[in-house]
Amino acid sequence: MIYLQKEEDHLMFMWPHRLSEGKNESVTSLDLLDSDLAQELSRTESFVYITKFKSIPAFMGSLCLNLFEKQTFMG
């Protein structure tokens, strides 16, 4: 994410392991792994896209827009 303040800030998602082999199960969600940034973002309005709507793309879009707005003067 190019708009973060620190280069070491990162988000990592884990693809869940399939519990039963041989079955055609589709993955319906990813897990957001714990990090300082993840904890900080869990207290923002953007986090509702993960918790309520289960949408990582909406969360990432909202996050990028918020970070962009913080670093770009919109006058």
N, C-alpha and C. Protein backbone atom coordinates (compact mmCIF):
# COMPACT_ATOMS: atom_id res chain seq x y z
N MET A 1 0.84 -1.16 0.00
CA MET A 1 0.00 0.00 0.00
C MET A 1 0.89 1.23 0.00
N ILE A 2 0.78 1.99 -1.00
CA ILE A 2 1.73 3.07 -1.21
C ILE A 2 1.47 4.30 -0.35
N TYR A 3 0.35 4.38 0.33
CA TYR A 3 0.02 5.58 1.09
C TYR A 3 0.25 5.44 2.59
N LEU A 4 0.82 4.33 3.03
CA LEU A 4 1.07 4.15 4.45
C LEU A 4 2.24 5.02 4.90
N GLN A 5 2.28 5.31 6.19
CA GLN A 5 3.32 6.18 6.70
C GLN A 5 4.64 5.44 6.91
N LYS A 6 4.59 4.17 7.30
CA LYS A 6 5.81 3.41 7.58
C LYS A 6 5.94 2.26 6.58
N GLU A 7 7.14 2.07 6.08
CA GLU A 7 7.37 1.02 5.09
C GLU A 7 7.11 -0.38 5.65
N GLU A 8 7.32 -0.55 6.96
CA GLU A 8 7.13 -1.87 7.55
C GLU A 8 5.67 -2.21 7.85
N ASP A 9 4.77 -1.26 7.66
CA ASP A 9 3.34 -1.55 7.83
C ASP A 9 2.89 -2.51 6.73
N HIS A 10 2.14 -3.51 7.12
CA HIS A 10 1.66 -4.48 6.14
C HIS A 10 0.42 -5.20 6.68
N LEU A 11 -0.34 -5.70 5.76
CA LEU A 11 -1.46 -6.57 6.09
C LEU A 11 -1.21 -7.91 5.43
N MET A 12 -1.49 -8.97 6.15
CA MET A 12 -1.34 -10.31 5.59
C MET A 12 -2.65 -11.06 5.80
N PHE A 13 -3.06 -11.76 4.75
CA PHE A 13 -4.26 -12.58 4.80
C PHE A 13 -3.86 -14.03 4.63
N MET A 14 -4.56 -14.92 5.31
CA MET A 14 -4.26 -16.35 5.21
C MET A 14 -5.39 -17.05 4.48
N TRP A 15 -5.01 -17.84 3.50
CA TRP A 15 -5.95 -18.69 2.79
C TRP A 15 -6.24 -19.88 3.68
N PRO A 16 -7.51 -20.12 4.05
CA PRO A 16 -7.80 -21.22 4.98
C PRO A 16 -7.50 -22.58 4.37
N HIS A 17 -7.05 -23.48 5.23
CA HIS A 17 -6.77 -24.85 4.79
C HIS A 17 -8.09 -25.60 4.60
N ARG A 18 -8.10 -26.43 3.61
CA ARG A 18 -9.30 -27.26 3.40
C ARG A 18 -9.30 -28.39 4.41
N LEU A 19 -10.41 -28.57 5.08
CA LEU A 19 -10.47 -29.56 6.14
C LEU A 19 -10.64 -30.98 5.62
N SER A 20 -11.33 -31.14 4.54
CA SER A 20 -11.56 -32.49 4.02
C SER A 20 -11.10 -32.56 2.57
N GLU A 21 -10.11 -33.38 2.33
CA GLU A 21 -9.57 -33.50 0.97
C GLU A 21 -10.53 -34.31 0.10
N GLY A 22 -10.50 -34.00 -1.17
CA GLY A 22 -11.33 -34.72 -2.11
C GLY A 22 -12.68 -34.10 -2.35
N LYS A 23 -13.09 -33.23 -1.48
CA LYS A 23 -14.38 -32.56 -1.67
C LYS A 23 -14.16 -31.25 -2.40
N ASN A 24 -15.09 -30.87 -3.22
CA ASN A 24 -15.00 -29.64 -4.00
C ASN A 24 -15.59 -28.49 -3.19
N GLU A 25 -14.82 -28.02 -2.20
CA GLU A 25 -15.28 -26.93 -1.35
C GLU A 25 -14.66 -25.63 -1.82
N SER A 26 -15.44 -24.59 -1.86
CA SER A 26 -14.90 -23.29 -2.26
C SER A 26 -14.59 -22.48 -1.01
N VAL A 27 -13.56 -21.66 -1.10
CA VAL A 27 -13.18 -20.79 0.00
C VAL A 27 -14.09 -19.56 -0.04
N THR A 28 -14.69 -19.26 1.08
CA THR A 28 -15.63 -18.13 1.13
C THR A 28 -15.06 -16.92 1.85
N SER A 29 -13.91 -17.08 2.52
CA SER A 29 -13.31 -15.94 3.21
C SER A 29 -11.82 -16.18 3.43
N LEU A 30 -11.12 -15.10 3.69
CA LEU A 30 -9.72 -15.15 4.06
C LEU A 30 -9.61 -14.64 5.48
N ASP A 31 -8.56 -15.04 6.18
CA ASP A 31 -8.35 -14.57 7.54
C ASP A 31 -7.32 -13.45 7.53
N LEU A 32 -7.64 -12.34 8.18
CA LEU A 32 -6.70 -11.24 8.36
C LEU A 32 -5.83 -11.59 9.55
N LEU A 33 -4.52 -11.69 9.31
CA LEU A 33 -3.60 -12.04 10.38
C LEU A 33 -3.30 -10.83 11.25
N ASP A 34 -3.00 -11.11 12.50
CA ASP A 34 -2.75 -10.05 13.48
C ASP A 34 -1.43 -9.33 13.19
N SER A 35 -1.47 -8.03 13.23
CA SER A 35 -0.27 -7.18 13.14
C SER A 35 -0.64 -5.84 13.79
N ASP A 36 0.37 -5.01 14.03
CA ASP A 36 0.09 -3.70 14.61
C ASP A 36 -0.88 -2.91 13.72
N LEU A 37 -0.65 -2.96 12.41
CA LEU A 37 -1.51 -2.24 11.48
C LEU A 37 -2.93 -2.81 11.49
N ALA A 38 -3.06 -4.14 11.52
CA ALA A 38 -4.39 -4.76 11.54
C ALA A 38 -5.15 -4.34 12.80
N GLN A 39 -4.46 -4.28 13.93
CA GLN A 39 -5.13 -3.85 15.16
C GLN A 39 -5.56 -2.40 15.08
N GLU A 40 -4.70 -1.56 14.50
CA GLU A 40 -5.04 -0.15 14.34
C GLU A 40 -6.25 0.02 13.41
N LEU A 41 -6.26 -0.72 12.31
CA LEU A 41 -7.34 -0.59 11.34
C LEU A 41 -8.65 -1.18 11.84
N SER A 42 -8.58 -2.11 12.79
CA SER A 42 -9.80 -2.70 13.33
C SER A 42 -10.63 -1.67 14.10
N ARG A 43 -10.03 -0.53 14.41
CA ARG A 43 -10.74 0.53 15.12
C ARG A 43 -11.22 1.64 14.18
N THR A 44 -11.16 1.40 12.88
CA THR A 44 -11.59 2.41 11.91
C THR A 44 -12.94 2.05 11.31
N GLU A 45 -13.55 3.04 10.66
CA GLU A 45 -14.84 2.80 10.01
C GLU A 45 -14.71 1.82 8.85
N SER A 46 -13.56 1.75 8.21
CA SER A 46 -13.35 0.85 7.08
C SER A 46 -13.50 -0.62 7.47
N PHE A 47 -13.24 -0.92 8.73
CA PHE A 47 -13.24 -2.32 9.16
C PHE A 47 -14.62 -2.96 9.09
N VAL A 48 -15.67 -2.15 9.04
CA VAL A 48 -17.03 -2.68 8.94
C VAL A 48 -17.21 -3.50 7.66
N TYR A 49 -16.43 -3.18 6.63
CA TYR A 49 -16.53 -3.94 5.38
C TYR A 49 -16.10 -5.39 5.56
N ILE A 50 -15.22 -5.64 6.51
CA ILE A 50 -14.82 -7.02 6.80
C ILE A 50 -15.81 -7.66 7.77
N THR A 51 -16.10 -6.97 8.86
CA THR A 51 -16.91 -7.59 9.92
C THR A 51 -18.38 -7.75 9.55
N LYS A 52 -18.95 -6.75 8.93
CA LYS A 52 -20.38 -6.81 8.62
C LYS A 52 -20.66 -7.38 7.23
N PHE A 53 -19.90 -6.92 6.23
CA PHE A 53 -20.19 -7.30 4.85
C PHE A 53 -19.31 -8.41 4.32
N LYS A 54 -18.29 -8.82 5.10
CA LYS A 54 -17.38 -9.91 4.71
C LYS A 54 -16.74 -9.65 3.34
N SER A 55 -16.34 -8.39 3.10
CA SER A 55 -15.77 -8.02 1.81
C SER A 55 -14.39 -7.41 1.98
N ILE A 56 -13.38 -8.20 1.68
CA ILE A 56 -12.00 -7.70 1.72
C ILE A 56 -11.77 -6.67 0.61
N PRO A 57 -12.29 -6.87 -0.62
CA PRO A 57 -12.10 -5.83 -1.63
C PRO A 57 -12.69 -4.47 -1.22
N ALA A 58 -13.86 -4.45 -0.61
CA ALA A 58 -14.45 -3.19 -0.16
C ALA A 58 -13.61 -2.57 0.95
N PHE A 59 -13.10 -3.40 1.86
CA PHE A 59 -12.23 -2.92 2.94
C PHE A 59 -10.96 -2.30 2.36
N MET A 60 -10.31 -2.99 1.43
CA MET A 60 -9.08 -2.49 0.84
C MET A 60 -9.33 -1.20 0.06
N GLY A 61 -10.45 -1.14 -0.66
CA GLY A 61 -10.79 0.07 -1.40
C GLY A 61 -11.00 1.25 -0.47
N SER A 62 -11.74 1.04 0.60
CA SER A 62 -11.99 2.09 1.58
C SER A 62 -10.69 2.51 2.25
N LEU A 63 -9.88 1.55 2.60
CA LEU A 63 -8.60 1.84 3.23
C LEU A 63 -7.70 2.67 2.32
N CYS A 64 -7.57 2.26 1.08
CA CYS A 64 -6.74 3.01 0.12
C CYS A 64 -7.25 4.43 -0.08
N LEU A 65 -8.56 4.60 -0.17
CA LEU A 65 -9.13 5.93 -0.35
C LEU A 65 -8.86 6.80 0.88
N ASN A 66 -9.05 6.24 2.07
CA ASN A 66 -8.78 7.01 3.30
C ASN A 66 -7.32 7.41 3.40
N LEU A 67 -6.41 6.50 3.09
CA LEU A 67 -4.98 6.81 3.15
C LEU A 67 -4.61 7.84 2.10
N PHE A 68 -5.20 7.73 0.92
CA PHE A 68 -4.95 8.69 -0.15
C PHE A 68 -5.39 10.09 0.27
N GLU A 69 -6.58 10.16 0.87
CA GLU A 69 -7.11 11.45 1.29
C GLU A 69 -6.26 12.08 2.38
N LYS A 70 -5.66 11.28 3.25
CA LYS A 70 -4.82 11.82 4.32
C LYS A 70 -3.52 12.41 3.78
N GLN A 71 -3.03 11.86 2.67
CA GLN A 71 -1.76 12.32 2.14
C GLN A 71 -1.88 13.27 0.96
N THR A 72 -3.08 13.50 0.50
CA THR A 72 -3.29 14.36 -0.66
C THR A 72 -4.16 15.53 -0.25
N PHE A 73 -3.69 16.72 -0.54
CA PHE A 73 -4.49 17.91 -0.22
C PHE A 73 -5.61 18.03 -1.23
N MET A 74 -6.82 17.98 -0.74
CA MET A 74 -7.99 18.11 -1.61
C MET A 74 -8.63 19.46 -1.27
N GLY A 75 -8.28 20.48 -2.01
CA GLY A 75 -8.74 21.80 -1.64
C GLY A 75 -9.69 22.33 -2.56
